[in-house]
Amino acid sequence: LYGDLLENKEPPMSILYLFTRHINILLQMKE
């Protein structure tokens, strides 16, 4: 899936940002 994002020209740092945003959503969900 990570490779697919790179093939779609998604910048690596954007992927990292989205990953971080998603983790924060999961933490808020738990809380």
PDB file of all heavy atoms in Angstrom:
ATOM      1  N   LEU A   1       0.826  -1.202   0.000  1.00  0.00           N
ATOM      2  CA  LEU A   1       0.000   0.000   0.000  1.00  0.00           C
ATOM      3  C   LEU A   1       0.866   1.259   0.000  1.00  0.00           C
ATOM      4  O   LEU A   1       0.549   2.253  -0.659  1.00  0.00           O
ATOM      5  CB  LEU A   1      -0.934   0.001   1.217  1.00  0.00           C
ATOM      6  CG  LEU A   1      -2.085  -1.011   1.147  1.00  0.00           C
ATOM      7  CD1 LEU A   1      -2.698  -1.217   2.528  1.00  0.00           C
ATOM      8  CD2 LEU A   1      -3.148  -0.547   0.156  1.00  0.00           C
ATOM      9  N   TYR A   2       1.959   1.209   0.733  1.00  0.00           N
ATOM     10  CA  TYR A   2       2.899   2.329   0.737  1.00  0.00           C
ATOM     11  C   TYR A   2       3.479   2.530  -0.666  1.00  0.00           C
ATOM     12  O   TYR A   2       3.571   3.657  -1.167  1.00  0.00           O
ATOM     13  CB  TYR A   2       4.017   2.063   1.749  1.00  0.00           C
ATOM     14  CG  TYR A   2       5.152   3.066   1.684  1.00  0.00           C
ATOM     15  CD1 TYR A   2       4.941   4.401   2.014  1.00  0.00           C
ATOM     16  CD2 TYR A   2       6.429   2.675   1.291  1.00  0.00           C
ATOM     17  CE1 TYR A   2       5.983   5.313   1.959  1.00  0.00           C
ATOM     18  CE2 TYR A   2       7.469   3.578   1.232  1.00  0.00           C
ATOM     19  CZ  TYR A   2       7.239   4.901   1.564  1.00  0.00           C
ATOM     20  OH  TYR A   2       8.263   5.802   1.499  1.00  0.00           O
ATOM     21  N   GLY A   3       3.829   1.426  -1.322  1.00  0.00           N
ATOM     22  CA  GLY A   3       4.339   1.503  -2.690  1.00  0.00           C
ATOM     23  C   GLY A   3       3.316   2.084  -3.649  1.00  0.00           C
ATOM     24  O   GLY A   3       3.655   2.862  -4.553  1.00  0.00           O
ATOM     25  N   ASP A   4       2.040   1.729  -3.443  1.00  0.00           N
ATOM     26  CA  ASP A   4       0.972   2.270  -4.290  1.00  0.00           C
ATOM     27  C   ASP A   4       0.893   3.786  -4.153  1.00  0.00           C
ATOM     28  O   ASP A   4       0.697   4.505  -5.147  1.00  0.00           O
ATOM     29  CB  ASP A   4      -0.384   1.663  -3.905  1.00  0.00           C
ATOM     30  CG  ASP A   4      -0.490   0.182  -4.266  1.00  0.00           C
ATOM     31  OD1 ASP A   4       0.342  -0.289  -5.076  1.00  0.00           O
ATOM     32  OD2 ASP A   4      -1.395  -0.485  -3.740  1.00  0.00           O
ATOM     33  N   LEU A   5       1.039   4.282  -2.933  1.00  0.00           N
ATOM     34  CA  LEU A   5       0.993   5.730  -2.706  1.00  0.00           C
ATOM     35  C   LEU A   5       2.151   6.429  -3.405  1.00  0.00           C
ATOM     36  O   LEU A   5       1.981   7.506  -3.990  1.00  0.00           O
ATOM     37  CB  LEU A   5       1.016   6.027  -1.205  1.00  0.00           C
ATOM     38  CG  LEU A   5      -0.274   5.716  -0.440  1.00  0.00           C
ATOM     39  CD1 LEU A   5      -0.037   5.779   1.061  1.00  0.00           C
ATOM     40  CD2 LEU A   5      -1.371   6.700  -0.825  1.00  0.00           C
ATOM     41  N   LEU A   6       3.325   5.823  -3.356  1.00  0.00           N
ATOM     42  CA  LEU A   6       4.485   6.410  -4.042  1.00  0.00           C
ATOM     43  C   LEU A   6       4.273   6.422  -5.547  1.00  0.00           C
ATOM     44  O   LEU A   6       4.624   7.392  -6.235  1.00  0.00           O
ATOM     45  CB  LEU A   6       5.756   5.632  -3.690  1.00  0.00           C
ATOM     46  CG  LEU A   6       6.266   5.751  -2.249  1.00  0.00           C
ATOM     47  CD1 LEU A   6       7.508   4.882  -2.068  1.00  0.00           C
ATOM     48  CD2 LEU A   6       6.583   7.197  -1.884  1.00  0.00           C
ATOM     49  N   GLU A   7       3.689   5.342  -6.080  1.00  0.00           N
ATOM     50  CA  GLU A   7       3.413   5.276  -7.519  1.00  0.00           C
ATOM     51  C   GLU A   7       2.420   6.350  -7.944  1.00  0.00           C
ATOM     52  O   GLU A   7       2.462   6.848  -9.062  1.00  0.00           O
ATOM     53  CB  GLU A   7       2.867   3.891  -7.896  1.00  0.00           C
ATOM     54  CG  GLU A   7       3.927   2.810  -7.944  1.00  0.00           C
ATOM     55  CD  GLU A   7       3.372   1.483  -8.445  1.00  0.00           C
ATOM     56  OE1 GLU A   7       2.274   1.492  -9.050  1.00  0.00           O
ATOM     57  OE2 GLU A   7       4.024   0.451  -8.229  1.00  0.00           O
ATOM     58  N   ASN A   8       1.525   6.719  -7.022  1.00  0.00           N
ATOM     59  CA  ASN A   8       0.546   7.770  -7.295  1.00  0.00           C
ATOM     60  C   ASN A   8       1.119   9.164  -7.060  1.00  0.00           C
ATOM     61  O   ASN A   8       0.372  10.150  -7.014  1.00  0.00           O
ATOM     62  CB  ASN A   8      -0.696   7.578  -6.420  1.00  0.00           C
ATOM     63  CG  ASN A   8      -1.501   6.367  -6.834  1.00  0.00           C
ATOM     64  OD1 ASN A   8      -1.420   5.903  -7.964  1.00  0.00           O
ATOM     65  ND2 ASN A   8      -2.287   5.837  -5.909  1.00  0.00           N
ATOM     66  N   LYS A   9       2.452   9.232  -6.899  1.00  0.00           N
ATOM     67  CA  LYS A   9       3.163  10.504  -6.744  1.00  0.00           C
ATOM     68  C   LYS A   9       2.841  11.211  -5.433  1.00  0.00           C
ATOM     69  O   LYS A   9       2.954  12.436  -5.335  1.00  0.00           O
ATOM     70  CB  LYS A   9       2.869  11.450  -7.917  1.00  0.00           C
ATOM     71  CG  LYS A   9       3.075  10.846  -9.297  1.00  0.00           C
ATOM     72  CD  LYS A   9       4.511  10.409  -9.518  1.00  0.00           C
ATOM     73  CE  LYS A   9       4.702   9.827 -10.921  1.00  0.00           C
ATOM     74  NZ  LYS A   9       6.074   9.309 -11.136  1.00  0.00           N
ATOM     75  N   GLU A  10       2.445  10.449  -4.415  1.00  0.00           N
ATOM     76  CA  GLU A  10       2.202  11.048  -3.109  1.00  0.00           C
ATOM     77  C   GLU A  10       3.559  11.275  -2.432  1.00  0.00           C
ATOM     78  O   GLU A  10       4.330  10.341  -2.258  1.00  0.00           O
ATOM     79  CB  GLU A  10       1.343  10.115  -2.256  1.00  0.00           C
ATOM     80  CG  GLU A  10       0.750  10.760  -1.025  1.00  0.00           C
ATOM     81  CD  GLU A  10      -0.351  11.749  -1.354  1.00  0.00           C
ATOM     82  OE1 GLU A  10      -1.083  11.535  -2.330  1.00  0.00           O
ATOM     83  OE2 GLU A  10      -0.470  12.746  -0.608  1.00  0.00           O
ATOM     84  N   PRO A  11       3.891  12.519  -2.050  1.00  0.00           N
ATOM     85  CA  PRO A  11       5.194  12.789  -1.415  1.00  0.00           C
ATOM     86  C   PRO A  11       5.338  12.010  -0.109  1.00  0.00           C
ATOM     87  O   PRO A  11       4.367  11.909   0.662  1.00  0.00           O
ATOM     88  CB  PRO A  11       5.142  14.302  -1.145  1.00  0.00           C
ATOM     89  CG  PRO A  11       4.128  14.840  -2.091  1.00  0.00           C
ATOM     90  CD  PRO A  11       3.098  13.744  -2.230  1.00  0.00           C
ATOM     91  N   PRO A  12       6.521  11.457   0.154  1.00  0.00           N
ATOM     92  CA  PRO A  12       6.719  10.669   1.376  1.00  0.00           C
ATOM     93  C   PRO A  12       6.325  11.407   2.653  1.00  0.00           C
ATOM     94  O   PRO A  12       5.698  10.837   3.543  1.00  0.00           O
ATOM     95  CB  PRO A  12       8.225  10.351   1.344  1.00  0.00           C
ATOM     96  CG  PRO A  12       8.550  10.323  -0.111  1.00  0.00           C
ATOM     97  CD  PRO A  12       7.717  11.401  -0.715  1.00  0.00           C
ATOM     98  N   MET A  13       6.678  12.717   2.740  1.00  0.00           N
ATOM     99  CA  MET A  13       6.345  13.461   3.947  1.00  0.00           C
ATOM    100  C   MET A  13       4.835  13.671   4.086  1.00  0.00           C
ATOM    101  O   MET A  13       4.313  13.773   5.196  1.00  0.00           O
ATOM    102  CB  MET A  13       7.082  14.805   3.968  1.00  0.00           C
ATOM    103  CG  MET A  13       8.543  14.708   4.342  1.00  0.00           C
ATOM    104  SD  MET A  13       8.799  14.096   6.043  1.00  0.00           S
ATOM    105  CE  MET A  13       9.574  12.509   5.729  1.00  0.00           C
ATOM    106  N   SER A  14       4.128  13.720   2.970  1.00  0.00           N
ATOM    107  CA  SER A  14       2.662  13.813   3.031  1.00  0.00           C
ATOM    108  C   SER A  14       2.077  12.514   3.572  1.00  0.00           C
ATOM    109  O   SER A  14       1.111  12.516   4.332  1.00  0.00           O
ATOM    110  CB  SER A  14       2.079  14.099   1.640  1.00  0.00           C
ATOM    111  OG  SER A  14       2.431  15.383   1.200  1.00  0.00           O
ATOM    112  N   ILE A  15       2.674  11.393   3.159  1.00  0.00           N
ATOM    113  CA  ILE A  15       2.235  10.086   3.664  1.00  0.00           C
ATOM    114  C   ILE A  15       2.444  10.033   5.173  1.00  0.00           C
ATOM    115  O   ILE A  15       1.566   9.588   5.921  1.00  0.00           O
ATOM    116  CB  ILE A  15       3.007   8.949   2.966  1.00  0.00           C
ATOM    117  CG1 ILE A  15       2.711   8.940   1.459  1.00  0.00           C
ATOM    118  CG2 ILE A  15       2.657   7.598   3.595  1.00  0.00           C
ATOM    119  CD1 ILE A  15       3.560   7.966   0.668  1.00  0.00           C
ATOM    120  N   LEU A  16       3.602  10.515   5.625  1.00  0.00           N
ATOM    121  CA  LEU A  16       3.899  10.510   7.056  1.00  0.00           C
ATOM    122  C   LEU A  16       2.921  11.405   7.817  1.00  0.00           C
ATOM    123  O   LEU A  16       2.455  11.055   8.902  1.00  0.00           O
ATOM    124  CB  LEU A  16       5.336  10.976   7.296  1.00  0.00           C
ATOM    125  CG  LEU A  16       5.896  10.763   8.709  1.00  0.00           C
ATOM    126  CD1 LEU A  16       5.876   9.289   9.066  1.00  0.00           C
ATOM    127  CD2 LEU A  16       7.310  11.310   8.809  1.00  0.00           C
ATOM    128  N   TYR A  17       2.596  12.554   7.225  1.00  0.00           N
ATOM    129  CA  TYR A  17       1.629  13.460   7.854  1.00  0.00           C
ATOM    130  C   TYR A  17       0.261  12.787   7.983  1.00  0.00           C
ATOM    131  O   TYR A  17      -0.381  12.853   9.029  1.00  0.00           O
ATOM    132  CB  TYR A  17       1.501  14.748   7.040  1.00  0.00           C
ATOM    133  CG  TYR A  17       0.266  15.552   7.394  1.00  0.00           C
ATOM    134  CD1 TYR A  17       0.230  16.321   8.552  1.00  0.00           C
ATOM    135  CD2 TYR A  17      -0.869  15.502   6.584  1.00  0.00           C
ATOM    136  CE1 TYR A  17      -0.914  17.032   8.907  1.00  0.00           C
ATOM    137  CE2 TYR A  17      -2.020  16.212   6.928  1.00  0.00           C
ATOM    138  CZ  TYR A  17      -2.031  16.979   8.078  1.00  0.00           C
ATOM    139  OH  TYR A  17      -3.168  17.671   8.428  1.00  0.00           O
ATOM    140  N   LEU A  18      -0.190  12.143   6.903  1.00  0.00           N
ATOM    141  CA  LEU A  18      -1.497  11.481   6.926  1.00  0.00           C
ATOM    142  C   LEU A  18      -1.517  10.334   7.945  1.00  0.00           C
ATOM    143  O   LEU A  18      -2.521  10.104   8.622  1.00  0.00           O
ATOM    144  CB  LEU A  18      -1.846  10.954   5.530  1.00  0.00           C
ATOM    145  CG  LEU A  18      -2.184  12.013   4.475  1.00  0.00           C
ATOM    146  CD1 LEU A  18      -2.286  11.370   3.100  1.00  0.00           C
ATOM    147  CD2 LEU A  18      -3.485  12.735   4.822  1.00  0.00           C
ATOM    148  N   PHE A  19      -0.399   9.625   8.025  1.00  0.00           N
ATOM    149  CA  PHE A  19      -0.291   8.530   8.989  1.00  0.00           C
ATOM    150  C   PHE A  19      -0.418   9.081  10.405  1.00  0.00           C
ATOM    151  O   PHE A  19      -1.149   8.540  11.254  1.00  0.00           O
ATOM    152  CB  PHE A  19       1.065   7.828   8.810  1.00  0.00           C
ATOM    153  CG  PHE A  19       1.040   6.364   9.163  1.00  0.00           C
ATOM    154  CD1 PHE A  19       1.119   5.398   8.174  1.00  0.00           C
ATOM    155  CD2 PHE A  19       0.951   5.951  10.484  1.00  0.00           C
ATOM    156  CE1 PHE A  19       1.098   4.044   8.488  1.00  0.00           C
ATOM    157  CE2 PHE A  19       0.929   4.614  10.812  1.00  0.00           C
ATOM    158  CZ  PHE A  19       1.005   3.648   9.811  1.00  0.00           C
ATOM    159  N   THR A  20       0.289  10.194  10.664  1.00  0.00           N
ATOM    160  CA  THR A  20       0.246  10.824  11.984  1.00  0.00           C
ATOM    161  C   THR A  20      -1.159  11.318  12.311  1.00  0.00           C
ATOM    162  O   THR A  20      -1.660  11.129  13.426  1.00  0.00           O
ATOM    163  CB  THR A  20       1.223  12.014  12.027  1.00  0.00           C
ATOM    164  OG1 THR A  20       2.531  11.568  11.664  1.00  0.00           O
ATOM    165  CG2 THR A  20       1.266  12.633  13.422  1.00  0.00           C
ATOM    166  N   ARG A  21      -1.793  11.958  11.336  1.00  0.00           N
ATOM    167  CA  ARG A  21      -3.165  12.448  11.527  1.00  0.00           C
ATOM    168  C   ARG A  21      -4.104  11.297  11.880  1.00  0.00           C
ATOM    169  O   ARG A  21      -4.957  11.417  12.766  1.00  0.00           O
ATOM    170  CB  ARG A  21      -3.648  13.147  10.253  1.00  0.00           C
ATOM    171  CG  ARG A  21      -5.096  13.606  10.284  1.00  0.00           C
ATOM    172  CD  ARG A  21      -5.480  14.254   8.963  1.00  0.00           C
ATOM    173  NE  ARG A  21      -6.889  14.616   8.928  1.00  0.00           N
ATOM    174  CZ  ARG A  21      -7.876  13.791   8.594  1.00  0.00           C
ATOM    175  NH1 ARG A  21      -7.586  12.536   8.241  1.00  0.00           N
ATOM    176  NH2 ARG A  21      -9.131  14.188   8.586  1.00  0.00           N
ATOM    177  N   HIS A  22      -3.915  10.171  11.198  1.00  0.00           N
ATOM    178  CA  HIS A  22      -4.780   9.016  11.424  1.00  0.00           C
ATOM    179  C   HIS A  22      -4.570   8.446  12.822  1.00  0.00           C
ATOM    180  O   HIS A  22      -5.535   8.075  13.504  1.00  0.00           O
ATOM    181  CB  HIS A  22      -4.487   7.948  10.364  1.00  0.00           C
ATOM    182  CG  HIS A  22      -5.561   6.917  10.246  1.00  0.00           C
ATOM    183  ND1 HIS A  22      -6.451   6.874   9.207  1.00  0.00           N
ATOM    184  CD2 HIS A  22      -5.898   5.878  11.060  1.00  0.00           C
ATOM    185  CE1 HIS A  22      -7.276   5.854   9.369  1.00  0.00           C
ATOM    186  NE2 HIS A  22      -6.957   5.232  10.491  1.00  0.00           N
ATOM    187  N   ILE A  23      -3.324   8.384  13.261  1.00  0.00           N
ATOM    188  CA  ILE A  23      -3.048   7.878  14.612  1.00  0.00           C
ATOM    189  C   ILE A  23      -3.716   8.775  15.647  1.00  0.00           C
ATOM    190  O   ILE A  23      -4.294   8.288  16.635  1.00  0.00           O
ATOM    191  CB  ILE A  23      -1.526   7.808  14.856  1.00  0.00           C
ATOM    192  CG1 ILE A  23      -0.893   6.745  13.942  1.00  0.00           C
ATOM    193  CG2 ILE A  23      -1.229   7.489  16.322  1.00  0.00           C
ATOM    194  CD1 ILE A  23       0.613   6.761  13.948  1.00  0.00           C
ATOM    195  N   ASN A  24      -3.653  10.090  15.430  1.00  0.00           N
ATOM    196  CA  ASN A  24      -4.295  11.020  16.360  1.00  0.00           C
ATOM    197  C   ASN A  24      -5.815  10.828  16.385  1.00  0.00           C
ATOM    198  O   ASN A  24      -6.451  10.959  17.439  1.00  0.00           O
ATOM    199  CB  ASN A  24      -3.957  12.469  15.987  1.00  0.00           C
ATOM    200  CG  ASN A  24      -2.567  12.865  16.475  1.00  0.00           C
ATOM    201  OD1 ASN A  24      -2.191  12.564  17.603  1.00  0.00           O
ATOM    202  ND2 ASN A  24      -1.807  13.537  15.632  1.00  0.00           N
ATOM    203  N   ILE A  25      -6.396  10.514  15.230  1.00  0.00           N
ATOM    204  CA  ILE A  25      -7.835  10.236  15.178  1.00  0.00           C
ATOM    205  C   ILE A  25      -8.154   9.006  16.025  1.00  0.00           C
ATOM    206  O   ILE A  25      -9.124   8.992  16.790  1.00  0.00           O
ATOM    207  CB  ILE A  25      -8.304  10.026  13.721  1.00  0.00           C
ATOM    208  CG1 ILE A  25      -8.313  11.358  12.967  1.00  0.00           C
ATOM    209  CG2 ILE A  25      -9.690   9.387  13.677  1.00  0.00           C
ATOM    210  CD1 ILE A  25      -8.650  11.231  11.493  1.00  0.00           C
ATOM    211  N   LEU A  26      -7.329   7.964  15.904  1.00  0.00           N
ATOM    212  CA  LEU A  26      -7.567   6.737  16.671  1.00  0.00           C
ATOM    213  C   LEU A  26      -7.445   6.988  18.174  1.00  0.00           C
ATOM    214  O   LEU A  26      -8.231   6.455  18.966  1.00  0.00           O
ATOM    215  CB  LEU A  26      -6.589   5.648  16.235  1.00  0.00           C
ATOM    216  CG  LEU A  26      -6.698   5.173  14.780  1.00  0.00           C
ATOM    217  CD1 LEU A  26      -5.735   4.016  14.522  1.00  0.00           C
ATOM    218  CD2 LEU A  26      -8.132   4.751  14.427  1.00  0.00           C
ATOM    219  N   LEU A  27      -6.479   7.814  18.562  1.00  0.00           N
ATOM    220  CA  LEU A  27      -6.330   8.148  19.981  1.00  0.00           C
ATOM    221  C   LEU A  27      -7.555   8.909  20.494  1.00  0.00           C
ATOM    222  O   LEU A  27      -8.050   8.649  21.598  1.00  0.00           O
ATOM    223  CB  LEU A  27      -5.062   8.972  20.203  1.00  0.00           C
ATOM    224  CG  LEU A  27      -3.747   8.177  20.175  1.00  0.00           C
ATOM    225  CD1 LEU A  27      -2.553   9.121  20.087  1.00  0.00           C
ATOM    226  CD2 LEU A  27      -3.635   7.294  21.427  1.00  0.00           C
ATOM    227  N   GLN A  28      -8.044   9.848  19.685  1.00  0.00           N
ATOM    228  CA  GLN A  28      -9.251  10.594  20.078  1.00  0.00           C
ATOM    229  C   GLN A  28     -10.467   9.678  20.137  1.00  0.00           C
ATOM    230  O   GLN A  28     -11.329   9.842  21.008  1.00  0.00           O
ATOM    231  CB  GLN A  28      -9.499  11.728  19.090  1.00  0.00           C
ATOM    232  CG  GLN A  28      -8.481  12.860  19.168  1.00  0.00           C
ATOM    233  CD  GLN A  28      -8.770  13.942  18.148  1.00  0.00           C
ATOM    234  OE1 GLN A  28      -9.648  14.781  18.343  1.00  0.00           O
ATOM    235  NE2 GLN A  28      -8.032  13.923  17.049  1.00  0.00           N
ATOM    236  N   MET A  29     -10.535   8.729  19.201  1.00  0.00           N
ATOM    237  CA  MET A  29     -11.632   7.763  19.209  1.00  0.00           C
ATOM    238  C   MET A  29     -11.659   7.010  20.539  1.00  0.00           C
ATOM    239  O   MET A  29     -12.721   6.843  21.149  1.00  0.00           O
ATOM    240  CB  MET A  29     -11.484   6.763  18.068  1.00  0.00           C
ATOM    241  CG  MET A  29     -11.941   7.240  16.712  1.00  0.00           C
ATOM    242  SD  MET A  29     -13.721   7.486  16.546  1.00  0.00           S
ATOM    243  CE  MET A  29     -14.378   5.999  17.258  1.00  0.00           C
ATOM    244  N   LYS A  30     -10.497   6.550  20.966  1.00  0.00           N
ATOM    245  CA  LYS A  30     -10.426   5.805  22.221  1.00  0.00           C
ATOM    246  C   LYS A  30     -10.888   6.666  23.399  1.00  0.00           C
ATOM    247  O   LYS A  30     -11.654   6.223  24.254  1.00  0.00           O
ATOM    248  CB  LYS A  30      -8.993   5.318  22.452  1.00  0.00           C
ATOM    249  CG  LYS A  30      -8.597   4.097  21.629  1.00  0.00           C
ATOM    250  CD  LYS A  30      -7.212   3.632  21.987  1.00  0.00           C
ATOM    251  CE  LYS A  30      -6.911   2.261  21.411  1.00  0.00           C
ATOM    252  NZ  LYS A  30      -7.756   1.180  21.991  1.00  0.00           N
ATOM    253  N   GLU A  31     -10.392   7.893  23.429  1.00  0.00           N
ATOM    254  CA  GLU A  31     -10.714   8.784  24.539  1.00  0.00           C
ATOM    255  C   GLU A  31     -12.202   9.135  24.570  1.00  0.00           C
ATOM    256  O   GLU A  31     -12.853   9.047  25.615  1.00  0.00           O
ATOM    257  CB  GLU A  31      -9.875  10.061  24.415  1.00  0.00           C
ATOM    258  CG  GLU A  31     -10.135  11.075  25.520  1.00  0.00           C
ATOM    259  CD  GLU A  31      -9.301  12.335  25.351  1.00  0.00           C
ATOM    260  OE1 GLU A  31      -8.292  12.294  24.622  1.00  0.00           O
ATOM    261  OE2 GLU A  31      -9.682  13.368  25.947  1.00  0.00           O
TER     262      GLU A  31
END
